[in-house]
Protein backbone atom coordinates (compact mmCIF):
# COMPACT_ATOMS: atom_id res chain seq x y z
CA UNK A 1 2.73 4.20 18.92
CA UNK A 2 4.52 5.70 21.92
CA UNK A 3 3.85 2.53 23.95
CA UNK A 4 5.24 0.37 21.17
CA UNK A 5 8.29 2.61 20.94
CA UNK A 6 9.06 1.83 24.59
CA UNK A 7 8.12 -1.84 24.36
CA UNK A 8 4.83 -1.45 26.21
CA UNK A 9 1.97 -3.09 24.39
CA UNK A 10 -1.23 -4.92 25.32
CA UNK A 11 -3.72 -7.11 23.51
CA UNK A 12 -6.89 -5.39 24.69
CA UNK A 13 -9.71 -4.86 22.24
CA UNK A 14 -11.85 -6.78 19.78
CA UNK A 15 -9.20 -6.57 17.05
CA UNK A 16 -7.00 -8.99 18.99
CA UNK A 17 -9.72 -11.44 20.00
CA UNK A 18 -9.09 -13.92 17.19
CA UNK A 19 -5.33 -13.52 16.88
CA UNK A 20 -3.46 -16.68 17.81
CA UNK A 21 -1.12 -16.88 20.78
CA UNK A 22 1.79 -17.66 18.45
CA UNK A 23 1.02 -14.60 16.31
CA UNK A 24 0.86 -12.37 19.41
CA UNK A 25 4.14 -13.86 20.63
CA UNK A 26 5.81 -13.05 17.32
CA UNK A 27 4.48 -9.49 17.37
CA UNK A 28 5.66 -9.06 20.97
CA UNK A 29 9.13 -10.24 20.02
CA UNK A 30 9.24 -7.96 16.97
CA UNK A 31 8.12 -4.78 18.78
CA UNK A 32 10.38 -5.35 21.77
CA UNK A 33 13.04 -2.71 22.19
CA UNK A 34 16.52 -3.59 20.97
CA UNK A 35 18.61 -5.66 21.73
CA UNK A 36 15.89 -8.16 22.74
CA UNK A 37 14.08 -7.74 19.40
CA UNK A 38 14.12 -10.70 17.00
CA UNK A 39 16.31 -10.46 13.94
CA UNK A 40 14.79 -11.24 10.54
CA UNK A 41 16.38 -14.68 10.60
CA UNK A 42 15.02 -15.37 14.10
CA UNK A 43 11.57 -14.15 13.04
CA UNK A 44 11.61 -16.59 10.11
CA UNK A 45 12.38 -19.34 12.58
CA UNK A 46 9.41 -18.46 14.83
CA UNK A 47 6.71 -21.19 15.12
CA UNK A 48 3.96 -18.93 13.73
CA UNK A 49 5.99 -18.15 10.58
CA UNK A 50 7.00 -21.78 10.17
CA UNK A 51 3.36 -22.90 10.43
CA UNK A 52 2.34 -20.26 7.90
CA UNK A 53 5.20 -21.17 5.57
CA UNK A 54 4.30 -24.85 5.87
CA UNK A 55 0.81 -24.10 4.59
CA UNK A 56 2.07 -22.08 1.62
CA UNK A 57 2.77 -23.55 -1.78
CA UNK A 58 5.74 -21.19 -2.21
CA UNK A 59 8.70 -21.90 0.05
CA UNK A 60 9.58 -19.07 2.43
CA UNK A 61 13.28 -18.26 2.53
CA UNK A 62 15.58 -15.35 3.20
CA UNK A 63 16.31 -15.19 -0.54
CA UNK A 64 12.66 -15.05 -1.55
CA UNK A 65 11.94 -12.44 1.12
CA UNK A 66 14.93 -10.35 0.02
CA UNK A 67 13.75 -10.60 -3.57
CA UNK A 68 10.29 -9.40 -2.49
CA UNK A 69 11.79 -6.51 -0.52
CA UNK A 70 13.92 -5.54 -3.52
CA UNK A 71 10.86 -5.58 -5.78
CA UNK A 72 8.88 -3.44 -3.32
CA UNK A 73 11.75 -0.94 -3.06
CA UNK A 74 11.95 -0.72 -6.87
CA UNK A 75 8.19 -0.22 -7.06
CA UNK A 76 8.35 2.51 -4.41
CA UNK A 77 11.13 4.32 -6.28
CA UNK A 78 9.11 4.11 -9.48
CA UNK A 79 5.99 5.48 -7.74
CA UNK A 80 8.00 8.32 -6.17
CA UNK A 81 9.40 9.18 -9.60
CA UNK A 82 5.91 9.19 -11.13
CA UNK A 83 4.66 11.47 -8.34
CA UNK A 84 7.59 13.80 -8.90
CA UNK A 85 6.86 13.97 -12.65
CA UNK A 86 3.14 14.61 -12.08
CA UNK A 87 3.96 17.30 -9.51
CA UNK A 88 6.39 18.91 -11.98
CA UNK A 89 3.75 18.92 -14.71
CA UNK A 90 1.03 20.23 -12.38
CA UNK A 91 3.17 23.12 -11.14
CA UNK A 92 3.93 24.20 -14.72
CA UNK A 93 0.28 24.69 -15.72
CA UNK A 94 -0.94 28.23 -16.24
CA UNK A 95 -4.23 29.52 -14.79
CA UNK A 96 -6.23 28.69 -17.94
CA UNK A 97 -4.91 25.13 -18.07
CA UNK A 98 -5.59 24.66 -14.37
CA UNK A 99 -9.17 25.93 -14.81
CA UNK A 100 -9.70 23.55 -17.76
CA UNK A 101 -8.50 20.60 -15.67
CA UNK A 102 -10.75 21.68 -12.80
CA UNK A 103 -13.75 21.79 -15.17
CA UNK A 104 -12.95 18.30 -16.51
CA UNK A 105 -12.55 16.99 -12.95
CA UNK A 106 -15.90 18.45 -11.86
CA UNK A 107 -17.64 16.88 -14.88
CA UNK A 108 -16.16 13.48 -14.01
CA UNK A 109 -16.94 13.80 -10.27
CA UNK A 110 -20.58 12.73 -10.57
CA UNK A 111 -21.27 12.48 -6.82
CA UNK A 112 -19.36 15.71 -6.07
CA UNK A 113 -17.26 14.19 -3.28
CA UNK A 114 -13.98 15.65 -4.56
CA UNK A 115 -12.63 12.22 -5.52
CA UNK A 116 -12.88 10.29 -8.75
CA UNK A 117 -13.96 6.70 -8.34
CA UNK A 118 -13.10 4.02 -10.86
CA UNK A 119 -16.75 4.03 -11.96
CA UNK A 120 -16.83 7.82 -12.46
CA UNK A 121 -13.70 7.69 -14.60
CA UNK A 122 -15.11 4.82 -16.66
CA UNK A 123 -18.39 6.66 -17.13
CA UNK A 124 -16.64 9.89 -18.14
CA UNK A 125 -14.34 8.19 -20.63
CA UNK A 126 -16.86 5.69 -21.97
CA UNK A 127 -16.80 5.54 -25.74
CA UNK A 128 -13.54 7.48 -25.93
CA UNK A 129 -11.21 4.73 -24.69
CA UNK A 130 -11.21 0.96 -24.39
CA UNK A 131 -12.36 -0.06 -20.84
CA UNK A 132 -9.17 -2.13 -20.38
CA UNK A 133 -7.07 0.92 -21.28
CA UNK A 134 -9.04 2.98 -18.76
CA UNK A 135 -8.36 0.38 -16.05
CA UNK A 136 -4.68 0.40 -16.93
CA UNK A 137 -4.59 4.20 -16.71
CA UNK A 138 -6.37 4.15 -13.33
CA UNK A 139 -4.00 1.53 -11.96
CA UNK A 140 -0.99 3.59 -13.10
CA UNK A 141 -2.30 6.69 -11.35
CA UNK A 142 -3.64 5.01 -8.19
CA UNK A 143 -0.61 5.73 -5.99
CA UNK A 144 -2.18 4.67 -2.70
CA UNK A 145 -3.91 1.62 -4.22
CA UNK A 146 -7.30 2.85 -2.96
CA UNK A 147 -9.09 2.16 -6.22
């Protein structure tokens, strides 16, 4: 990260082996220190982006990208609000309520890894809720989208 911060970056390693020259060029131009760095408009005009956009069925434009950014920002605000509400609720639980939740969690955590997988939640709630409703609940609570 420090090298990128100062505009020093190399393409060494197996991760970069199959990355196209155009893609590397775009990355180089985006991580270059200002004022040499590409603007968003210049990046959209780069050959790698144009080739990618040409192969897409949805046209790539500043407007569509701005719309996508706006949607992501709205989603992020919503997720932050949900986290804040859950934190508020969790900090208001008394010792008995906390212990009850811990007991429920341990019953659901079949493999005892300290995390609840989608399968463990489904298994624990089987017969009590519709599987689609369980999936919806999991998706609502899966802040980092890890499943």
